[in-house]
């Protein structure tokens, strides 16, 4: 096994909380259950990571297997990244049957024709989400596995969630590959960003109640109140207003957890 692959697997294992390492490795599926039973998961994480690397070396792990482990880690812990929302558009209203194999082929061909040194990995999940991991290189250097871009594309929707790498110059290449592979016409950023991928999905997929209302803050009513009761009245007004805001939020977004949005911009 290549030293760079071993080091990448070791670092990935170290990022996982110790109590969840075994579960993540089971989802990975590269190591057998018998091999996992030989690891003492109660020892310090550095020793656990070294044991995992030794087993991966026995199984002749390569960068493709390491990339799959990284995808699983990011799928379980998506809040470790900052996600941006993009929307793709078609020229007409025609609908096409999505072919996953064709999508992968076109996506890889487009990126690899524009940039030779690039590693592309895919993993599909049950909610029609395709997770794509791209490690970028240059014409003269191998792909940097520590500066990766992640794409989450729901095949039945025009929305794409992208966590870009440090190399911003590669973003146009990535967007072009997405448009061509999914048979859309163009793509634009929606100016929505957050660490919470699920919150962004809730917003663009409208996974909440549609009973929107216009919120009008109510001014405090002026009354002749005795000085000694002013503090009590303020506390009660604040409590009533807080309860009213929570009630409006439930009517708008439903009873589930509220979406977390860290950046939004509206342009006129």
Protein backbone atom coordinates (compact mmCIF):
# COMPACT_ATOMS: atom_id res chain seq x y z
CA UNK A 1 0.00 0.00 0.00
CA UNK A 2 1.27 3.45 -0.93
CA UNK A 3 2.54 5.57 1.96
CA UNK A 4 0.32 8.50 1.00
CA UNK A 5 -2.76 6.23 1.07
CA UNK A 6 -1.78 4.87 4.48
CA UNK A 7 -1.32 8.37 5.87
CA UNK A 8 -4.63 9.53 4.46
CA UNK A 9 -6.50 6.59 6.00
CA UNK A 10 -4.77 7.22 9.32
CA UNK A 11 -5.77 10.89 9.36
CA UNK A 12 -9.35 10.07 8.38
CA UNK A 13 -9.67 7.60 11.26
CA UNK A 14 -8.25 10.18 13.67
CA UNK A 15 -11.02 12.63 12.69
CA UNK A 16 -13.75 10.20 13.73
CA UNK A 17 -14.95 10.25 17.38
CA UNK A 18 -13.45 7.20 19.08
CA UNK A 19 -16.82 5.74 20.10
CA UNK A 20 -17.96 5.80 16.46
CA UNK A 21 -14.85 4.51 14.65
CA UNK A 22 -16.08 0.92 14.53
CA UNK A 23 -19.48 1.95 13.16
CA UNK A 24 -17.89 4.06 10.41
CA UNK A 25 -15.51 1.24 9.45
CA UNK A 26 -18.45 -1.17 9.26
CA UNK A 27 -20.23 1.21 6.89
CA UNK A 28 -17.03 1.34 4.84
CA UNK A 29 -17.06 -2.44 4.44
CA UNK A 30 -13.45 -2.69 3.27
CA UNK A 31 -12.34 -4.57 6.39
CA UNK A 32 -14.06 -7.81 7.31
CA UNK A 33 -15.90 -8.26 10.59
CA UNK A 34 -13.23 -10.71 11.68
CA UNK A 35 -10.52 -8.09 11.03
CA UNK A 36 -12.46 -5.45 12.97
CA UNK A 37 -12.69 -7.80 15.95
CA UNK A 38 -8.90 -7.77 16.20
CA UNK A 39 -8.87 -4.01 16.90
CA UNK A 40 -9.05 -2.71 20.45
CA UNK A 41 -11.29 0.34 20.00
CA UNK A 42 -10.84 1.35 23.66
CA UNK A 43 -7.18 2.27 23.24
CA UNK A 44 -6.03 5.74 22.24
CA UNK A 45 -7.08 6.87 18.77
CA UNK A 46 -3.51 6.98 17.44
CA UNK A 47 -3.09 3.26 18.19
CA UNK A 48 -6.51 2.50 16.68
CA UNK A 49 -5.57 4.35 13.49
CA UNK A 50 -2.28 2.44 13.24
CA UNK A 51 -4.13 -0.88 13.63
CA UNK A 52 -6.58 0.12 10.89
CA UNK A 53 -3.71 1.07 8.57
CA UNK A 54 -2.02 -2.30 9.11
CA UNK A 55 -5.21 -4.15 8.23
CA UNK A 56 -5.71 -1.95 5.15
CA UNK A 57 -2.16 -2.70 4.09
CA UNK A 58 -2.91 -6.41 4.36
CA UNK A 59 -5.92 -5.84 2.10
CA UNK A 60 -3.86 -3.76 -0.37
CA UNK A 61 -5.98 -0.62 -0.03
CA UNK A 62 -5.59 2.02 -2.73
CA UNK A 63 -6.66 5.65 -3.06
CA UNK A 64 -10.11 4.65 -4.34
CA UNK A 65 -10.84 2.77 -1.13
CA UNK A 66 -9.49 5.65 0.95
CA UNK A 67 -11.73 8.07 -0.96
CA UNK A 68 -14.79 5.95 -0.18
CA UNK A 69 -13.95 6.10 3.54
CA UNK A 70 -13.66 9.88 3.26
CA UNK A 71 -17.07 10.12 1.55
CA UNK A 72 -18.66 8.06 4.32
CA UNK A 73 -17.07 10.33 6.94
CA UNK A 74 -18.34 13.49 5.24
CA UNK A 75 -21.81 11.99 4.78
CA UNK A 76 -22.03 11.23 8.50
CA UNK A 77 -20.51 14.57 9.53
CA UNK A 78 -21.55 17.03 6.77
CA UNK A 79 -21.46 19.99 9.18
CA UNK A 80 -17.66 19.93 9.09
CA UNK A 81 -17.87 21.70 5.71
CA UNK A 82 -19.45 24.89 4.38
CA UNK A 83 -22.06 24.16 1.70
CA UNK A 84 -23.36 26.42 -1.07
CA UNK A 85 -26.54 25.87 -3.06
CA UNK A 86 -26.60 25.94 -6.86
CA UNK A 87 -29.60 25.64 -9.16
CA UNK A 88 -29.47 24.26 -12.70
CA UNK A 89 -31.86 25.26 -15.47
CA UNK A 90 -33.12 23.69 -18.70
CA UNK A 91 -34.02 25.50 -21.91
CA UNK A 92 -37.35 23.63 -22.17
CA UNK A 93 -39.80 21.84 -19.92
CA UNK A 94 -38.97 18.37 -21.17
CA UNK A 95 -38.23 15.70 -18.58
CA UNK A 96 -35.66 12.97 -19.11
CA UNK A 97 -35.10 9.64 -17.37
CA UNK A 98 -31.99 9.95 -15.22
CA UNK A 99 -29.28 7.40 -16.00
CA UNK A 100 -26.75 7.20 -13.17
CA UNK A 101 -24.19 5.28 -15.20
CA UNK A 102 -24.37 7.83 -18.01
CA UNK A 103 -24.12 10.71 -15.52
CA UNK A 104 -20.94 9.29 -13.98
CA UNK A 105 -19.38 8.65 -17.37
CA UNK A 106 -20.07 12.16 -18.69
CA UNK A 107 -18.98 13.83 -15.44
CA UNK A 108 -15.63 12.02 -15.29
CA UNK A 109 -14.95 12.48 -19.00
CA UNK A 110 -15.59 16.22 -18.83
CA UNK A 111 -13.38 16.84 -15.80
CA UNK A 112 -10.57 14.53 -16.89
CA UNK A 113 -10.46 16.09 -20.35
CA UNK A 114 -10.04 19.54 -18.79
CA UNK A 115 -7.63 18.48 -16.04
CA UNK A 116 -5.57 15.32 -16.30
CA UNK A 117 -4.61 14.85 -12.66
CA UNK A 118 -7.91 14.55 -10.82
CA UNK A 119 -9.42 11.81 -8.65
CA UNK A 120 -13.22 11.38 -8.83
CA UNK A 121 -15.25 9.11 -6.56
CA UNK A 122 -19.00 8.50 -6.33
CA UNK A 123 -21.34 7.02 -3.74
CA UNK A 124 -25.12 6.76 -3.97
CA UNK A 125 -27.53 6.98 -1.04
CA UNK A 126 -31.15 5.94 -0.60
CA UNK A 127 -32.58 9.47 -0.82
CA UNK A 128 -31.53 9.75 -4.51
CA UNK A 129 -28.47 11.72 -3.41
CA UNK A 130 -25.25 11.22 -5.34
CA UNK A 131 -22.17 12.18 -3.35
CA UNK A 132 -19.18 13.13 -5.50
CA UNK A 133 -15.66 13.63 -4.16
CA UNK A 134 -13.07 15.40 -6.31
CA UNK A 135 -9.39 15.63 -5.39
CA UNK A 136 -7.66 18.20 -7.59
CA UNK A 137 -4.19 18.19 -9.03
CA UNK A 138 -2.46 20.27 -11.68
CA UNK A 139 -0.94 19.32 -15.05
CA UNK A 140 2.31 18.71 -13.17
CA UNK A 141 1.24 17.49 -9.71
CA UNK A 142 -0.80 14.58 -8.40
CA UNK A 143 -4.26 15.19 -6.88
CA UNK A 144 -4.13 16.65 -3.38
CA UNK A 145 -6.33 14.38 -1.27
CA UNK A 146 -6.48 17.00 1.49
CA UNK A 147 -8.00 19.72 -0.72
CA UNK A 148 -11.16 18.11 -2.03
CA UNK A 149 -14.46 19.38 -3.37
CA UNK A 150 -17.71 17.69 -2.45
CA UNK A 151 -20.90 17.69 -4.49
CA UNK A 152 -24.30 16.39 -3.38
CA UNK A 153 -26.71 16.09 -6.29
CA UNK A 154 -30.31 14.91 -5.96
CA UNK A 155 -31.04 13.43 -9.37
CA UNK A 156 -34.76 14.27 -9.40
CA UNK A 157 -34.19 17.96 -8.66
CA UNK A 158 -32.23 20.84 -10.26
CA UNK A 159 -30.40 21.57 -7.00
CA UNK A 160 -26.74 20.89 -6.29
CA UNK A 161 -24.94 21.39 -2.98
CA UNK A 162 -21.24 22.12 -3.32
CA UNK A 163 -18.50 22.35 -0.73
CA UNK A 164 -15.64 23.78 -2.75
CA UNK A 165 -11.95 23.16 -2.20
CA UNK A 166 -9.38 25.86 -1.57
CA UNK A 167 -8.69 25.93 -5.32
CA UNK A 168 -11.47 28.32 -6.38
CA UNK A 169 -10.23 28.29 -9.97
CA UNK A 170 -11.55 24.73 -10.34
CA UNK A 171 -15.13 25.67 -9.52
CA UNK A 172 -16.07 26.67 -13.12
CA UNK A 173 -14.75 23.30 -14.35
CA UNK A 174 -16.84 21.52 -11.73
CA UNK A 175 -20.01 23.44 -12.61
CA UNK A 176 -19.52 22.81 -16.33
CA UNK A 177 -19.13 19.07 -15.72
CA UNK A 178 -22.34 19.02 -13.64
CA UNK A 179 -24.36 20.83 -16.31
CA UNK A 180 -23.17 18.58 -19.13
CA UNK A 181 -23.52 15.34 -17.18
CA UNK A 182 -27.06 16.10 -15.97
CA UNK A 183 -28.26 17.50 -19.35
CA UNK A 184 -29.05 20.99 -18.07
CA UNK A 185 -28.40 24.29 -19.82
CA UNK A 186 -26.74 26.43 -17.15
CA UNK A 187 -26.13 26.71 -13.41
CA UNK A 188 -26.20 29.60 -10.95
CA UNK A 189 -25.37 30.07 -7.28
CA UNK A 190 -28.39 30.77 -5.07
CA UNK A 191 -26.51 32.78 -2.44
CA UNK A 192 -27.36 30.30 0.32
CA UNK A 193 -24.52 28.98 2.46
CA UNK A 194 -24.37 27.03 5.69
CA UNK A 195 -22.51 24.33 7.58
CA UNK A 196 -25.87 22.58 7.96
CA UNK A 197 -26.43 20.66 4.73
CA UNK A 198 -29.77 19.32 5.97
CA UNK A 199 -31.05 22.85 6.66
CA UNK A 200 -30.19 23.92 3.12
CA UNK A 201 -32.06 20.89 1.80
CA UNK A 202 -35.07 21.74 3.98
CA UNK A 203 -35.16 25.25 2.52
CA UNK A 204 -34.78 24.47 -1.19
CA UNK A 205 -36.90 21.31 -1.07
CA UNK A 206 -39.53 23.14 1.05
CA UNK A 207 -39.66 20.46 3.70
CA UNK A 208 -41.89 22.49 6.00
CA UNK A 209 -45.44 23.75 6.33
CA UNK A 210 -46.52 26.17 3.58
CA UNK A 211 -48.80 28.31 5.77
CA UNK A 212 -46.63 31.41 5.47
CA UNK A 213 -47.67 34.54 7.31
CA UNK A 214 -46.36 38.07 7.36
CA UNK A 215 -44.76 38.82 10.67
CA UNK A 216 -45.63 42.18 12.23
CA UNK A 217 -44.05 42.86 15.61
CA UNK A 218 -46.61 44.20 18.03
CA UNK A 219 -45.66 47.36 19.92
CA UNK A 220 -45.96 47.27 23.67
CA UNK A 221 -49.22 48.80 24.83
CA UNK A 222 -48.84 51.93 26.92
CA UNK A 223 -50.55 51.67 30.27
CA UNK A 224 -50.40 53.42 33.55
CA UNK A 225 -48.42 50.93 35.55
CA UNK A 226 -47.13 51.37 39.03
CA UNK A 227 -43.32 51.64 39.19
CA UNK A 228 -42.92 48.57 41.38
CA UNK A 229 -44.74 46.34 38.82
CA UNK A 230 -42.84 47.52 35.72
CA UNK A 231 -40.24 44.72 35.80
CA UNK A 232 -42.90 42.02 36.15
CA UNK A 233 -44.87 43.46 33.23
CA UNK A 234 -41.75 43.54 30.99
CA UNK A 235 -40.95 39.93 31.79
CA UNK A 236 -44.51 38.87 30.97
CA UNK A 237 -44.52 40.86 27.69
CA UNK A 238 -41.21 39.26 26.69
CA UNK A 239 -42.52 35.78 27.49
CA UNK A 240 -45.71 36.36 25.49
CA UNK A 241 -43.76 37.71 22.50
CA UNK A 242 -41.34 34.77 22.58
CA UNK A 243 -44.22 32.29 22.63
CA UNK A 244 -45.88 34.09 19.72
CA UNK A 245 -42.67 33.97 17.63
CA UNK A 246 -42.31 30.25 18.34
CA UNK A 247 -45.92 29.71 17.28
CA UNK A 248 -45.34 31.56 13.99
CA UNK A 249 -42.17 29.52 13.36
CA UNK A 250 -44.11 26.29 13.87
CA UNK A 251 -46.80 27.42 11.43
CA UNK A 252 -44.16 28.28 8.81
CA UNK A 253 -41.58 25.50 9.21
CA UNK A 254 -43.54 22.82 11.05
CA UNK A 255 -42.81 21.15 14.38
CA UNK A 256 -39.37 19.78 13.43
CA UNK A 257 -35.98 21.39 14.03
CA UNK A 258 -35.72 24.86 12.52
CA UNK A 259 -33.41 25.32 9.48
CA UNK A 260 -30.00 26.79 10.26
CA UNK A 261 -28.90 29.35 7.70
CA UNK A 262 -25.56 31.12 8.08
CA UNK A 263 -25.61 33.21 4.90
CA UNK A 264 -28.38 34.43 2.63
CA UNK A 265 -28.41 37.31 0.15
CA UNK A 266 -31.31 38.77 -1.83
CA UNK A 267 -30.41 40.72 -4.98
CA UNK A 268 -32.78 43.14 -6.72
